[in-house]
Amino acid sequence: MFDYHTHTIFSDGDLIPSELVKRATKLGNEGIALTDHVDFSNYDFILRSLLNAKNELKDDWEIFVLVGVEITHVPPNKIDKLVKKTKKAGAEIIVVHGESIVEPVANGTNKAAVSNEKVDILAHPGLITEDEVELARENDVLLEITARTGHSLTNGHVASLAKKIGANVVINSDAHSPNDLINDDMAMMVLMGAGLDKNTAKKILEYGKEYYNKM
């Protein structure tokens, strides 16, 4: 399991980076991305803090760790600008908080995210459209199947369109607390619960590992 969407105390998570990484290691996961919520007010502080932790501890951590952001509730016309700023500040992975049906995310967020080749993952994209899935495929933006309660309500819709159009998907925990983290077995169940067959679910897990090597 490579989990590309988690949160620490630097946004709304419960754990400091070291403990979150340790908990993921204990579950048997091979990689984790620390992707705290950011807008223009806090991205620099969060990235600086997380990168400091990684630089000091990377030789002691037993799994691969990426430092990134989840761009959250930023107006769609400002997403490209913040993507550039977070990249410049050292973000190794960029997640955009998609148009989940359980939060008041601005219309147009999904389209802005999948139109930007620098975005790695569109998280919990809700009732994403076919045109937006096509843009995700063209720009190699991964669509998230999520284990997060609430956001997961539209997993079936996302999986169905991604399969129809040929867009790549990834399974993430969107962990905010240690109990939110998932292992391979739970990831498989979430993927199959989204309507994917066992072989496709296995391929998605394998692609999650391959994606790290592509970055």
Protein backbone atom coordinates (compact mmCIF):
# COMPACT_ATOMS: atom_id res chain seq x y z
CA MET A 1 0.00 0.00 0.00
CA PHE A 2 1.25 3.44 -1.03
CA ASP A 3 -1.01 5.99 0.63
CA TYR A 4 -0.76 9.34 -1.15
CA HIS A 5 -3.23 11.35 0.95
CA THR A 6 -2.83 11.80 4.72
CA HIS A 7 -2.92 14.62 7.27
CA THR A 8 -0.78 15.55 10.29
CA ILE A 9 -1.18 18.07 13.12
CA PHE A 10 0.01 20.73 10.68
CA SER A 11 -3.57 20.87 9.38
CA ASP A 12 -6.42 18.81 10.83
CA GLY A 13 -4.74 15.49 11.59
CA ASP A 14 -4.17 14.01 15.04
CA LEU A 15 -0.54 12.91 14.75
CA ILE A 16 2.87 14.49 14.27
CA PRO A 17 4.63 13.33 11.08
CA SER A 18 6.91 10.86 12.86
CA GLU A 19 4.05 9.00 14.50
CA LEU A 20 1.91 8.95 11.36
CA VAL A 21 4.79 7.43 9.40
CA LYS A 22 5.42 4.89 12.17
CA ARG A 23 1.77 3.88 12.28
CA ALA A 24 1.71 3.37 8.50
CA THR A 25 4.90 1.31 8.76
CA LYS A 26 3.33 -0.89 11.44
CA LEU A 27 0.43 -1.63 9.08
CA GLY A 28 2.89 -2.92 6.50
CA ASN A 29 2.53 -0.03 4.07
CA GLU A 30 5.46 0.69 1.78
CA GLY A 31 4.96 4.41 1.28
CA ILE A 32 3.07 7.41 2.55
CA ALA A 33 2.54 11.01 1.46
CA LEU A 34 2.04 13.75 4.05
CA THR A 35 -0.42 16.09 2.33
CA ASP A 36 -1.80 18.64 4.76
CA HIS A 37 -4.53 21.08 3.79
CA VAL A 38 -3.18 24.34 2.37
CA ASP A 39 -4.26 27.62 0.85
CA PHE A 40 -2.24 30.78 0.29
CA SER A 41 -2.04 31.46 4.04
CA ASN A 42 -0.13 28.40 5.21
CA TYR A 43 1.50 26.43 2.38
CA ASP A 44 4.99 27.77 3.03
CA PHE A 45 4.92 27.03 6.76
CA ILE A 46 3.51 23.53 6.28
CA LEU A 47 5.93 22.51 3.56
CA ARG A 48 8.90 23.93 5.45
CA SER A 49 7.89 22.03 8.59
CA LEU A 50 7.25 18.72 6.82
CA LEU A 51 10.42 18.94 4.73
CA ASN A 52 12.46 19.67 7.87
CA ALA A 53 11.07 16.50 9.43
CA LYS A 54 11.80 14.44 6.33
CA ASN A 55 15.35 15.77 5.95
CA GLU A 56 16.20 14.91 9.55
CA LEU A 57 14.43 11.56 9.76
CA LYS A 58 14.42 10.04 6.27
CA ASP A 59 17.31 7.68 7.07
CA ASP A 60 15.42 6.36 10.09
CA TRP A 61 12.01 5.93 8.50
CA GLU A 62 11.40 2.42 7.22
CA ILE A 63 9.07 3.37 4.38
CA PHE A 64 9.15 5.82 1.50
CA VAL A 65 7.84 9.24 2.49
CA LEU A 66 6.70 12.07 0.22
CA VAL A 67 6.00 15.60 1.41
CA GLY A 68 3.19 17.41 -0.31
CA VAL A 69 -0.03 19.37 0.04
CA GLU A 70 -3.75 19.09 -0.43
CA ILE A 71 -4.88 22.36 -1.99
CA THR A 72 -8.20 22.90 -0.25
CA HIS A 73 -11.16 25.24 -0.92
CA VAL A 74 -9.04 27.52 -3.11
CA PRO A 75 -11.06 29.31 -5.82
CA PRO A 76 -10.70 27.42 -9.10
CA ASN A 77 -9.11 30.39 -10.89
CA LYS A 78 -6.36 30.51 -8.25
CA ILE A 79 -5.48 26.80 -8.21
CA ASP A 80 -2.82 27.04 -10.94
CA LYS A 81 -1.13 29.88 -9.07
CA LEU A 82 -0.98 27.91 -5.82
CA VAL A 83 0.23 24.78 -7.62
CA LYS A 84 3.21 26.80 -8.90
CA LYS A 85 3.90 28.25 -5.46
CA THR A 86 3.79 24.88 -3.69
CA LYS A 87 6.03 23.30 -6.31
CA LYS A 88 8.53 26.12 -5.86
CA ALA A 89 8.35 25.65 -2.09
CA GLY A 90 9.36 22.00 -2.45
CA ALA A 91 6.13 20.00 -2.67
CA GLU A 92 6.92 16.50 -3.96
CA ILE A 93 3.27 15.63 -4.58
CA ILE A 94 0.25 17.86 -5.14
CA VAL A 95 -3.27 16.75 -4.28
CA VAL A 96 -6.29 18.96 -4.94
CA HIS A 97 -9.37 18.68 -2.72
CA GLY A 98 -12.08 17.70 -5.20
CA GLU A 99 -15.79 18.45 -5.35
CA SER A 100 -16.88 16.00 -2.68
CA ILE A 101 -20.65 15.92 -2.22
CA VAL A 102 -20.26 16.31 1.56
CA GLU A 103 -18.45 19.67 1.49
CA PRO A 104 -19.23 23.02 -0.20
CA VAL A 105 -16.37 22.90 -2.70
CA ALA A 106 -16.56 25.52 -5.45
CA ASN A 107 -17.89 24.41 -8.82
CA GLY A 108 -15.03 24.25 -11.30
CA THR A 109 -12.49 22.89 -8.81
CA ASN A 110 -12.39 19.46 -10.45
CA LYS A 111 -11.87 20.94 -13.92
CA ALA A 112 -9.12 23.28 -12.75
CA ALA A 113 -7.30 20.40 -11.08
CA VAL A 114 -7.46 17.89 -13.95
CA SER A 115 -6.45 20.59 -16.45
CA ASN A 116 -3.11 21.11 -14.71
CA GLU A 117 -0.34 18.63 -15.54
CA LYS A 118 1.48 19.53 -12.31
CA VAL A 119 -1.37 18.16 -10.20
CA ASP A 120 -0.79 14.55 -9.19
CA ILE A 121 -4.12 13.55 -7.64
CA LEU A 122 -7.67 14.87 -7.61
CA ALA A 123 -9.00 13.72 -4.24
CA HIS A 124 -12.58 12.53 -3.73
CA PRO A 125 -13.89 14.19 -6.92
CA GLY A 126 -17.55 13.56 -6.17
CA LEU A 127 -19.85 13.57 -9.21
CA ILE A 128 -17.04 14.27 -11.65
CA THR A 129 -18.12 14.58 -15.30
CA GLU A 130 -17.01 12.51 -18.27
CA ASP A 131 -15.28 15.53 -19.79
CA GLU A 132 -13.31 16.07 -16.57
CA VAL A 133 -12.32 12.41 -16.44
CA GLU A 134 -11.10 12.70 -20.02
CA LEU A 135 -8.95 15.70 -19.02
CA ALA A 136 -7.58 13.70 -16.11
CA ARG A 137 -6.60 10.93 -18.50
CA GLU A 138 -4.95 13.36 -20.92
CA ASN A 139 -2.98 15.16 -18.19
CA ASP A 140 -2.15 12.04 -16.16
CA VAL A 141 -3.96 13.30 -13.05
CA LEU A 142 -4.92 10.35 -10.85
CA LEU A 143 -8.51 10.15 -9.62
CA GLU A 144 -8.91 9.08 -6.03
CA ILE A 145 -10.94 6.20 -4.70
CA THR A 146 -11.10 7.07 -1.02
CA ALA A 147 -11.57 5.16 2.21
CA ARG A 148 -12.71 8.37 3.94
CA THR A 149 -16.24 8.26 5.33
CA GLY A 150 -18.57 10.61 3.47
CA HIS A 151 -16.19 11.34 0.63
CA SER A 152 -16.43 7.64 -0.30
CA LEU A 153 -20.13 7.93 -1.19
CA THR A 154 -19.28 8.61 -4.84
CA ASN A 155 -16.49 6.03 -5.21
CA GLY A 156 -18.67 3.91 -7.49
CA HIS A 157 -19.32 6.82 -9.83
CA VAL A 158 -15.62 7.74 -9.99
CA ALA A 159 -14.54 4.13 -10.58
CA SER A 160 -17.15 3.57 -13.28
CA LEU A 161 -16.21 6.66 -15.31
CA ALA A 162 -12.49 6.09 -14.87
CA LYS A 163 -12.85 2.54 -16.17
CA LYS A 164 -15.03 3.65 -19.09
CA ILE A 165 -12.66 6.42 -20.20
CA GLY A 166 -9.33 4.85 -19.24
CA ALA A 167 -8.22 7.30 -16.56
CA ASN A 168 -5.90 6.09 -13.84
CA VAL A 169 -7.12 5.86 -10.28
CA VAL A 170 -5.44 5.49 -6.90
CA ILE A 171 -6.70 4.26 -3.53
CA ASN A 172 -5.96 6.52 -0.54
CA SER A 173 -6.99 6.68 3.11
CA ASP A 174 -7.28 10.47 3.52
CA ALA A 175 -6.23 9.64 7.08
CA HIS A 176 -6.75 12.24 9.79
CA SER A 177 -6.26 9.85 12.72
CA PRO A 178 -4.39 6.55 13.17
CA ASN A 179 -7.59 4.54 12.86
CA ASP A 180 -8.12 5.96 9.37
CA LEU A 181 -4.99 4.35 7.92
CA ILE A 182 -5.56 1.29 5.75
CA ASN A 183 -3.53 -1.70 4.61
CA ASP A 184 -3.64 -3.74 1.41
CA ASP A 185 -6.58 -5.85 2.56
CA MET A 186 -8.76 -2.86 3.40
CA ALA A 187 -7.71 -1.09 0.20
CA MET A 188 -8.85 -4.12 -1.79
CA MET A 189 -12.23 -4.11 -0.05
CA VAL A 190 -12.75 -0.39 -0.70
CA LEU A 191 -11.86 -0.83 -4.38
CA MET A 192 -14.14 -3.82 -4.80
CA GLY A 193 -16.86 -1.98 -2.90
CA ALA A 194 -16.59 0.71 -5.58
CA GLY A 195 -17.65 -1.90 -8.12
CA LEU A 196 -14.24 -2.98 -9.41
CA ASP A 197 -13.39 -6.63 -9.88
CA LYS A 198 -10.60 -8.26 -7.90
CA ASN A 199 -8.06 -8.25 -10.73
CA THR A 200 -8.64 -4.57 -11.46
CA ALA A 201 -8.33 -3.76 -7.75
CA LYS A 202 -5.00 -5.60 -7.59
CA LYS A 203 -3.73 -3.69 -10.62
CA ILE A 204 -4.66 -0.39 -8.96
CA LEU A 205 -2.70 -1.32 -5.83
CA GLU A 206 0.27 -2.31 -7.97
CA TYR A 207 0.03 0.93 -9.95
CA GLY A 208 0.12 2.88 -6.70
CA LYS A 209 3.54 1.40 -6.04
CA GLU A 210 4.71 1.95 -9.62
CA TYR A 211 3.58 5.59 -9.50
CA TYR A 212 6.10 6.37 -6.78
CA ASN A 213 8.91 5.30 -9.10
CA LYS A 214 7.56 7.54 -11.87
CA MET A 215 7.63 10.68 -9.73
